[in-house]
C-alpha atoms as a PDB file:
ATOM      1  CA  MET A   1      -6.556  19.140  34.733  1.00  0.00           C
ATOM      2  CA  ASP A   2      -3.723  21.064  32.780  1.00  0.00           C
ATOM      3  CA  GLY A   3      -0.519  19.409  31.677  1.00  0.00           C
ATOM      4  CA  ASP A   4       3.125  20.366  32.798  1.00  0.00           C
ATOM      5  CA  ALA A   5       5.346  20.143  29.776  1.00  0.00           C
ATOM      6  CA  PHE A   6       8.349  20.173  32.236  1.00  0.00           C
ATOM      7  CA  ASN A   7       7.275  17.108  34.107  1.00  0.00           C
ATOM      8  CA  PRO A   8       8.806  14.059  32.398  1.00  0.00           C
ATOM      9  CA  GLU A   9       5.925  11.877  33.361  1.00  0.00           C
ATOM     10  CA  CYS A  10       3.277  14.261  31.771  1.00  0.00           C
ATOM     11  CA  PRO A  11       1.698  13.280  28.490  1.00  0.00           C
ATOM     12  CA  THR A  12       1.854  16.867  27.445  1.00  0.00           C
ATOM     13  CA  ARG A  13       5.144  15.876  26.014  1.00  0.00           C
ATOM     14  CA  LEU A  14       3.528  13.360  23.616  1.00  0.00           C
ATOM     15  CA  VAL A  15       1.321  16.076  22.560  1.00  0.00           C
ATOM     16  CA  LEU A  16       4.265  18.220  21.741  1.00  0.00           C
ATOM     17  CA  ASP A  17       5.940  15.510  19.751  1.00  0.00           C
ATOM     18  CA  ARG A  18       2.752  15.193  17.540  1.00  0.00           C
ATOM     19  CA  ILE A  19       2.288  18.916  17.100  1.00  0.00           C
ATOM     20  CA  GLY A  20       6.060  19.494  16.890  1.00  0.00           C
ATOM     21  CA  ASP A  21       6.576  17.197  13.952  1.00  0.00           C
ATOM     22  CA  LYS A  22       7.330  18.876  10.691  1.00  0.00           C
ATOM     23  CA  TRP A  23       4.941  16.642   8.708  1.00  0.00           C
ATOM     24  CA  SER A  24       2.134  17.226  11.289  1.00  0.00           C
ATOM     25  CA  VAL A  25       2.534  20.972  11.055  1.00  0.00           C
ATOM     26  CA  LEU A  26       2.544  20.882   7.201  1.00  0.00           C
ATOM     27  CA  VAL A  27      -0.640  18.552   7.106  1.00  0.00           C
ATOM     28  CA  VAL A  28      -2.299  20.994   9.353  1.00  0.00           C
ATOM     29  CA  LEU A  29      -1.331  23.896   7.114  1.00  0.00           C
ATOM     30  CA  SER A  30      -2.493  21.959   4.014  1.00  0.00           C
ATOM     31  CA  LEU A  31      -5.850  21.247   5.651  1.00  0.00           C
ATOM     32  CA  ARG A  32      -6.613  24.713   6.589  1.00  0.00           C
ATOM     33  CA  LYS A  33      -8.913  25.596   3.856  1.00  0.00           C
ATOM     34  CA  GLY A  34     -10.813  22.298   4.040  1.00  0.00           C
ATOM     35  CA  PRO A  35     -10.789  18.728   3.257  1.00  0.00           C
ATOM     36  CA  ARG A  36      -8.202  17.258   1.082  1.00  0.00           C
ATOM     37  CA  ARG A  37      -7.298  13.657  -0.609  1.00  0.00           C
ATOM     38  CA  PHE A  38      -4.177  11.850   0.026  1.00  0.00           C
ATOM     39  CA  THR A  39      -2.620  12.625  -3.112  1.00  0.00           C
ATOM     40  CA  GLU A  40      -3.497  16.399  -2.807  1.00  0.00           C
ATOM     41  CA  LEU A  41      -1.925  16.337   0.611  1.00  0.00           C
ATOM     42  CA  ARG A  42       1.248  14.533  -0.743  1.00  0.00           C
ATOM     43  CA  ASP A  43       1.533  16.912  -3.610  1.00  0.00           C
ATOM     44  CA  MET A  44       0.993  19.985  -1.584  1.00  0.00           C
ATOM     45  CA  ILE A  45       3.531  19.066   1.137  1.00  0.00           C
ATOM     46  CA  GLY A  46       6.282  17.868  -1.101  1.00  0.00           C
ATOM     47  CA  GLY A  47       9.316  15.581  -0.034  1.00  0.00           C
ATOM     48  CA  VAL A  48       7.069  13.200   2.255  1.00  0.00           C
ATOM     49  CA  THR A  49       7.036   9.561   1.195  1.00  0.00           C
ATOM     50  CA  PRO A  50       3.623   7.951   1.120  1.00  0.00           C
ATOM     51  CA  LYS A  51       4.416   5.730   3.991  1.00  0.00           C
ATOM     52  CA  VAL A  52       5.491   8.709   6.214  1.00  0.00           C
ATOM     53  CA  LEU A  53       2.216  10.564   5.364  1.00  0.00           C
ATOM     54  CA  THR A  54       0.019   7.641   6.026  1.00  0.00           C
ATOM     55  CA  GLN A  55       1.734   7.044   9.319  1.00  0.00           C
ATOM     56  CA  THR A  56       1.285  10.842  10.169  1.00  0.00           C
ATOM     57  CA  LEU A  57      -2.437  10.925   9.070  1.00  0.00           C
ATOM     58  CA  ARG A  58      -3.068   7.853  11.300  1.00  0.00           C
ATOM     59  CA  ALA A  59      -1.337   9.230  14.189  1.00  0.00           C
ATOM     60  CA  MET A  60      -3.192  12.583  13.840  1.00  0.00           C
ATOM     61  CA  ALA A  61      -6.570  10.871  13.470  1.00  0.00           C
ATOM     62  CA  ALA A  62      -5.718   8.700  16.671  1.00  0.00           C
ATOM     63  CA  ASP A  63      -4.833  12.096  18.466  1.00  0.00           C
ATOM     64  CA  GLY A  64      -8.048  13.614  17.412  1.00  0.00           C
ATOM     65  CA  LEU A  65      -6.664  16.093  15.023  1.00  0.00           C
ATOM     66  CA  LEU A  66      -8.347  15.094  11.852  1.00  0.00           C
ATOM     67  CA  THR A  67     -11.013  12.792  10.602  1.00  0.00           C
ATOM     68  CA  ARG A  68     -10.723  10.276   7.643  1.00  0.00           C
ATOM     69  CA  HIS A  69     -13.909  10.049   5.289  1.00  0.00           C
ATOM     70  CA  VAL A  70     -14.215   7.108   3.018  1.00  0.00           C
ATOM     71  CA  PHE A  71     -16.758   7.642   0.436  1.00  0.00           C
ATOM     72  CA  ALA A  72     -18.584   4.527  -0.965  1.00  0.00           C
ATOM     73  CA  GLU A  73     -17.446   5.081  -4.676  1.00  0.00           C
ATOM     74  CA  VAL A  74     -15.692   3.009  -7.259  1.00  0.00           C
ATOM     75  CA  PRO A  75     -12.709   3.840  -6.950  1.00  0.00           C
ATOM     76  CA  PRO A  76     -12.968   4.500  -3.324  1.00  0.00           C
ATOM     77  CA  ARG A  77     -12.594   8.196  -2.258  1.00  0.00           C
ATOM     78  CA  VAL A  78     -10.954   9.184   0.916  1.00  0.00           C
ATOM     79  CA  GLU A  79     -10.594  12.636   2.438  1.00  0.00           C
ATOM     80  CA  TYR A  80      -8.998  14.173   5.476  1.00  0.00           C
ATOM     81  CA  GLU A  81     -10.264  16.998   7.408  1.00  0.00           C
ATOM     82  CA  LEU A  82      -9.137  18.640  10.493  1.00  0.00           C
ATOM     83  CA  THR A  83     -11.494  18.285  13.651  1.00  0.00           C
ATOM     84  CA  PRO A  84     -12.364  21.257  15.745  1.00  0.00           C
ATOM     85  CA  LEU A  85      -9.317  20.350  17.937  1.00  0.00           C
ATOM     86  CA  GLY A  86      -7.238  20.230  14.731  1.00  0.00           C
ATOM     87  CA  GLN A  87      -8.601  23.694  13.505  1.00  0.00           C
ATOM     88  CA  SER A  88      -7.490  25.170  17.036  1.00  0.00           C
ATOM     89  CA  LEU A  89      -3.753  24.483  16.006  1.00  0.00           C
ATOM     90  CA  GLN A  90      -3.974  26.688  12.846  1.00  0.00           C
ATOM     91  CA  ALA A  91      -3.150  29.848  14.606  1.00  0.00           C
ATOM     92  CA  PRO A  92      -0.196  28.847  16.760  1.00  0.00           C
ATOM     93  CA  ILE A  93       1.123  26.835  13.610  1.00  0.00           C
ATOM     94  CA  ARG A  94       0.622  29.613  11.347  1.00  0.00           C
ATOM     95  CA  ALA A  95       2.635  32.111  13.666  1.00  0.00           C
ATOM     96  CA  ILE A  96       5.367  29.665  13.982  1.00  0.00           C
ATOM     97  CA  THR A  97       5.557  29.085  10.338  1.00  0.00           C
ATOM     98  CA  ASP A  98       5.485  32.760   9.682  1.00  0.00           C
ATOM     99  CA  TRP A  99       8.379  33.506  12.037  1.00  0.00           C
ATOM    100  CA  ALA A 100      10.300  30.558  10.186  1.00  0.00           C
ATOM    101  CA  GLU A 101       9.781  32.064   6.796  1.00  0.00           C
ATOM    102  CA  GLN A 102      10.700  35.526   8.008  1.00  0.00           C
ATOM    103  CA  HIS A 103      13.839  34.397   9.714  1.00  0.00           C
ATOM    104  CA  VAL A 104      15.075  31.460   7.557  1.00  0.00           C
ATOM    105  CA  ASN A 105      18.003  33.593   6.355  1.00  0.00           C
ATOM    106  CA  GLU A 106      19.334  34.601   9.643  1.00  0.00           C
ATOM    107  CA  VAL A 107      19.107  31.178  11.045  1.00  0.00           C
ATOM    108  CA  MET A 108      20.763  29.519   7.804  1.00  0.00           C
ATOM    109  CA  ALA A 109      23.674  32.134   8.248  1.00  0.00           C
ATOM    110  CA  ALA A 110      24.003  31.444  11.985  1.00  0.00           C
ATOM    111  CA  ARG A 111      24.238  27.679  11.133  1.00  0.00           C
ATOM    112  CA  GLU A 112      26.695  28.242   8.588  1.00  0.00           C
ATOM    113  CA  SER A 113      28.874  30.376  10.695  1.00  0.00           C
ATOM    114  CA  ALA A 114      28.719  27.985  13.544  1.00  0.00           C
ATOM    115  CA  LEU A 115      29.853  25.140  11.179  1.00  0.00           C
ATOM    116  CA  THR A 116      32.796  27.166   9.717  1.00  0.00           C
ATOM    117  CA  GLY A 117      33.611  28.378  12.960  1.00  0.00           C
END
């Protein structure tokens, strides 16, 4: 059964919340070339606190978008990797990101114009 994003009772809205979150988008983009460690993700994304990144990674794992691999080493090594479901988000997220990067100046100019009225 498919979802209906316009139905307020449909869990599709929860999925949209997850994949529309800026940190989730940046995690998907950061993992597009393969597994990464927490510090690599934090450094690649920039501006995200460790607490928020941890919450995002846990939520994405709970939603089946990525996996967390713990290696039995000293010190322990943990890597995050997109699942096939998470990988299926790469094309739509890349398309939206490309659009945002191409139109950022127009959007910022419109915002500035609206603020200065």
